[in-house]
Protein backbone atom coordinates (compact mmCIF):
# COMPACT_ATOMS: atom_id res chain seq x y z
CA GLY A 1 46.74 -85.41 11.51
CA LEU A 2 43.82 -83.50 10.02
CA ARG A 3 44.84 -80.80 7.53
CA ILE A 4 42.73 -77.76 6.61
CA ALA A 5 42.61 -75.90 3.29
CA LEU A 6 40.76 -72.62 2.71
CA ASP A 7 38.95 -72.99 -0.61
CA ASP A 8 38.04 -70.06 -2.93
CA PHE A 9 40.30 -67.77 -0.92
CA GLY A 10 39.64 -64.07 -1.53
CA THR A 11 35.88 -64.39 -2.07
CA GLY A 12 32.82 -64.72 0.14
CA ASN A 13 33.64 -65.94 3.62
CA ALA A 14 37.19 -67.04 2.82
CA SER A 15 38.74 -63.88 4.23
CA LEU A 16 42.05 -62.94 5.78
CA SER A 17 40.53 -63.17 9.25
CA TYR A 18 40.27 -66.94 8.79
CA LEU A 19 44.06 -67.16 8.69
CA GLN A 20 44.00 -65.93 12.30
CA LYS A 21 41.14 -68.14 13.47
CA LEU A 22 41.75 -71.45 11.70
CA PRO A 23 44.83 -73.71 11.86
CA ALA A 24 44.91 -73.95 8.08
CA GLN A 25 47.89 -75.33 6.17
CA THR A 26 46.77 -74.48 2.63
CA ILE A 27 45.19 -71.57 0.75
CA LYS A 28 43.45 -72.13 -2.58
CA ILE A 29 43.30 -68.88 -4.59
CA ASP A 30 39.86 -68.50 -6.16
CA GLN A 31 39.79 -69.03 -9.92
CA SER A 32 37.96 -65.73 -10.47
CA PHE A 33 41.29 -63.97 -9.84
CA VAL A 34 43.53 -66.48 -11.62
CA LEU A 35 41.51 -66.73 -14.85
CA ASP A 36 41.92 -63.04 -15.72
CA MET A 37 45.34 -62.34 -14.20
CA LEU A 38 46.90 -62.08 -17.68
CA ASN A 39 44.30 -59.53 -18.76
CA ASP A 40 43.65 -57.52 -15.61
CA PRO A 41 46.60 -56.19 -13.57
CA ARG A 42 44.28 -55.86 -10.55
CA ASP A 43 43.57 -59.58 -10.52
CA PHE A 44 47.27 -60.21 -11.06
CA ALA A 45 48.12 -58.03 -8.04
CA ILE A 46 45.65 -59.94 -5.86
CA VAL A 47 47.11 -63.31 -6.89
CA ALA A 48 50.68 -62.09 -6.34
CA GLY A 49 49.72 -60.66 -2.94
CA VAL A 50 48.06 -63.88 -1.78
CA VAL A 51 51.04 -65.98 -2.91
CA LYS A 52 53.47 -63.72 -1.05
CA THR A 53 51.28 -63.62 2.06
CA ALA A 54 51.02 -67.41 2.09
CA ARG A 55 54.80 -67.75 1.82
CA MET A 56 55.34 -65.31 4.69
CA LEU A 57 52.89 -67.28 6.85
CA GLY A 58 54.47 -70.59 5.94
CA LEU A 59 51.33 -71.83 4.20
CA GLU A 60 50.94 -73.92 1.06
CA VAL A 61 49.19 -72.14 -1.80
CA ILE A 62 47.25 -73.62 -4.72
CA ALA A 63 46.05 -71.57 -7.71
CA GLU A 64 42.67 -72.61 -9.11
CA GLY A 65 41.55 -71.91 -12.66
CA VAL A 66 44.80 -72.57 -14.54
CA GLU A 67 43.62 -72.99 -18.14
CA THR A 68 46.52 -71.84 -20.34
CA VAL A 69 50.30 -72.16 -20.54
CA GLY A 70 50.41 -68.41 -19.91
CA HIS A 71 48.77 -68.94 -16.53
CA LEU A 72 51.32 -71.66 -15.76
CA GLN A 73 54.26 -69.47 -16.74
CA LEU A 74 53.15 -66.49 -14.70
CA LEU A 75 52.31 -68.50 -11.59
CA GLU A 76 55.68 -70.22 -11.90
CA ALA A 77 57.33 -66.77 -12.02
CA LEU A 78 55.43 -65.87 -8.83
CA ASP A 79 56.77 -69.05 -7.21
CA CYS A 80 53.31 -70.58 -6.79
CA PRO A 81 54.13 -74.28 -6.36
CA ALA A 82 50.75 -75.95 -6.94
CA LEU A 83 48.30 -75.42 -9.81
CA GLN A 84 44.82 -76.73 -10.54
CA GLY A 85 42.74 -76.32 -13.67
CA TYR A 86 41.59 -77.42 -17.09
CA LEU A 87 45.09 -76.98 -18.55
CA PHE A 88 45.92 -80.31 -16.94
CA ALA A 89 42.57 -82.11 -16.90
CA LYS A 90 38.82 -81.67 -16.75
CA PRO A 91 36.65 -83.63 -14.31
CA MET A 92 36.85 -87.36 -15.00
CA PRO A 93 35.35 -90.53 -13.55
CA ALA A 94 37.29 -92.09 -10.72
CA GLU A 95 38.32 -95.12 -12.78
CA ALA A 96 40.07 -92.82 -15.31
CA VAL A 97 42.31 -91.17 -12.72
CA PRO A 98 45.06 -93.86 -12.43
CA ALA A 99 45.75 -93.82 -16.18
CA TRP A 100 45.79 -90.01 -16.22
CA VAL A 101 48.25 -89.91 -13.31
CA LYS A 102 50.50 -92.45 -15.04
CA ALA A 103 50.54 -90.47 -18.30
CA PHE A 104 50.93 -87.00 -16.74
CA ASN A 105 54.22 -85.20 -17.36
CA ILE A 106 54.63 -81.51 -16.51
CA ILE A 107 57.28 -81.20 -19.22
CA ASN A 108 54.50 -81.58 -21.79
CA TYR A 109 53.14 -78.23 -20.63
CA ILE A 110 56.37 -76.35 -19.96
CA GLY A 111 57.77 -77.61 -23.26
CA ASN A 112 54.90 -75.98 -25.16
CA SER A 113 55.79 -72.60 -23.73
CA ALA A 114 56.82 -70.10 -26.39
CA ALA A 115 57.12 -67.04 -24.17
CA PRO A 116 60.52 -65.74 -23.03
CA ARG A 117 61.71 -67.29 -19.79
CA ASN A 118 63.72 -64.28 -18.64
CA HIS A 119 61.25 -61.69 -17.36
CA LEU A 120 63.60 -59.17 -15.71
CA MET A 121 62.66 -60.65 -12.38
CA GLY A 122 65.98 -59.46 -10.97
CA ILE A 123 64.66 -55.89 -10.93
CA THR A 124 61.33 -56.45 -9.17
CA ASP A 125 59.67 -59.59 -7.88
CA THR A 126 56.13 -58.56 -8.83
CA GLY A 127 56.07 -60.55 -12.06
CA LEU A 128 54.29 -57.71 -13.89
CA LEU A 129 56.93 -57.60 -16.61
CA GLY A 130 56.63 -61.34 -16.98
CA ALA A 131 52.91 -60.89 -17.62
CA HIS A 132 53.73 -58.27 -20.26
CA GLN A 133 56.09 -60.65 -22.05
CA ILE A 134 53.53 -63.43 -22.07
CA ARG A 135 50.84 -61.05 -23.40
CA VAL A 136 53.13 -59.97 -26.22
CA GLN A 137 53.84 -63.59 -27.13
CA GLU A 138 50.12 -64.45 -27.06
CA SER A 139 49.42 -61.46 -29.32
CA ILE A 140 52.06 -62.69 -31.77
CA GLN A 141 50.56 -66.17 -31.75
CA TYR A 142 47.12 -64.70 -32.39
CA LEU A 143 48.40 -62.81 -35.44
CA GLN A 144 49.96 -66.04 -36.66
CA GLY A 145 46.55 -67.70 -36.48
CA LYS A 146 46.91 -69.47 -33.12
CA GLY A 147 44.92 -68.70 -30.01
CA CYS A 148 43.15 -65.51 -28.97
CA LEU A 149 44.22 -61.91 -28.56
CA PRO A 150 44.64 -60.98 -24.88
CA GLU A 151 42.07 -58.55 -23.54
CA ARG A 152 42.64 -54.91 -22.58
CA ILE A 153 45.05 -54.13 -25.40
CA LEU A 154 42.96 -52.36 -28.03
CA GLY A 155 41.36 -49.71 -25.82
CA ARG A 156 42.61 -46.12 -26.05
CA ASP A 157 43.62 -46.04 -22.39
CA ASP A 158 44.87 -49.62 -22.08
CA ALA A 159 48.51 -48.56 -22.46
CA GLU A 160 48.13 -46.54 -19.26
CA HIS A 161 46.75 -49.40 -17.18
CA CYS A 162 48.33 -52.59 -18.53
CA HIS A 163 50.83 -54.80 -16.69
CA LEU A 164 53.82 -53.05 -18.24
CA ALA A 165 52.49 -49.62 -17.26
CA LEU A 166 52.12 -50.74 -13.65
CA TRP A 167 55.62 -52.22 -13.67
CA LEU A 168 57.13 -49.03 -15.08
CA ASN A 169 55.30 -46.92 -12.52
CA GLN A 170 56.88 -48.94 -9.71
CA LEU A 171 60.42 -48.14 -10.81
CA PRO A 172 62.07 -45.74 -8.35
CA ASP A 173 63.53 -43.66 -11.22
CA ARG A 174 60.42 -43.72 -13.43
CA ALA A 175 60.75 -40.02 -14.31
CA ALA A 176 64.26 -40.58 -15.67
CA LEU A 177 63.25 -43.29 -18.14
CA PRO A 178 64.22 -42.59 -21.77
CA VAL A 179 61.35 -41.28 -23.87
CA ASP A 180 61.84 -44.33 -26.10
CA VAL A 181 60.28 -46.51 -23.40
CA ASP A 182 56.87 -44.87 -23.50
CA GLN A 183 57.01 -44.45 -27.27
CA LEU A 184 57.76 -48.13 -27.88
CA HIS A 185 55.23 -49.22 -25.28
CA HIS A 186 52.44 -47.20 -26.90
CA ARG A 187 53.52 -48.44 -30.31
CA LEU A 188 52.92 -52.04 -29.22
CA HIS A 189 49.29 -51.17 -28.46
CA GLN A 190 48.93 -49.04 -31.59
CA LEU A 191 50.21 -51.79 -33.87
CA LEU A 192 47.43 -54.07 -32.71
CA ARG A 193 44.80 -51.32 -32.87
CA ASP A 194 45.75 -50.62 -36.49
CA HIS A 195 45.68 -54.28 -37.49
CA VAL A 196 43.38 -55.16 -40.37
CA GLY A 197 42.90 -58.52 -42.01
CA PRO A 198 42.34 -61.99 -40.58
CA PRO A 199 44.86 -63.70 -38.26
CA GLY A 200 47.26 -65.88 -40.20
CA SER A 201 47.20 -63.66 -43.29
CA PRO A 202 50.50 -62.37 -44.74
CA GLN A 203 49.70 -58.90 -43.36
CA ALA A 204 49.05 -60.30 -39.90
CA ARG A 205 52.26 -62.34 -39.95
CA GLN A 206 54.23 -59.26 -40.98
CA LEU A 207 52.64 -57.36 -38.11
CA ALA A 208 53.58 -60.17 -35.73
CA GLN A 209 57.22 -59.75 -36.74
CA GLU A 210 57.00 -55.99 -36.25
CA LEU A 211 55.44 -56.53 -32.82
CA LEU A 212 58.28 -58.89 -31.88
CA GLU A 213 60.92 -56.43 -33.06
CA THR A 214 59.28 -53.48 -31.30
CA ASN A 215 59.14 -55.37 -28.01
CA ALA A 216 62.78 -56.42 -28.43
CA GLN A 217 63.72 -52.75 -28.90
CA LEU A 218 61.76 -51.86 -25.77
CA MET A 219 63.53 -54.53 -23.71
CA ASP A 220 66.88 -53.35 -25.06
CA VAL A 221 66.20 -49.75 -24.03
CA LEU A 222 65.20 -50.92 -20.55
CA HIS A 223 68.30 -53.11 -20.39
CA ARG A 224 70.61 -50.22 -21.15
CA PHE A 225 68.80 -47.82 -18.83
CA LEU A 226 68.62 -50.15 -15.86
CA GLY A 227 72.10 -51.55 -16.39
CA ASN A 228 70.96 -55.04 -15.45
CA PRO A 229 72.97 -57.84 -17.10
CA HIS A 230 69.98 -60.17 -16.83
CA VAL A 231 67.65 -57.99 -18.89
CA ARG A 232 67.06 -59.25 -22.40
């Protein structure tokens, strides 16, 4: 009846070889990968790979380090069923746990989600485009005076290495994409690089609207090119 979980999987001694040697039932993905999965496509790829590997091996998987609704959304898109992190609760004394459990409702977190729910997952199951959509929404919220700007957006080469770039590069007909796709993609990054003025200002709110419209145009071009009725 004893169950085994591999903690901090992906770091230190918690390696793939343990899946061969130990009768483990659960993998806990180390928070060092989860925390930055919305900013670094490499961390995202590691998390996605571990989740898929766990499913193929019939193992439970738990993601550590879930601190934002964006993390929750993306892990949900990857079909990661169990999450752990400060989004839900910080460490608390034992006597406080029963009241927290009684008051907990996952709808309180999903309901606060402002990012689009349809992430073109019918085209690829990597979730990279879902990460792009969440990053766009977080950028819009930042311009509106809420939250922080995602990392790896303002650099000159970030458009070549972001989640959307990796998703586009995985398309089998990448070379046949309309030129509008790359133009609109680079414009998203350029709009934020050119931004002046504090978040929440009229100029920033106008830019947020332009960012939203530019991303909608990009999704529309992809929709028409890929001919997928689920693309929005």
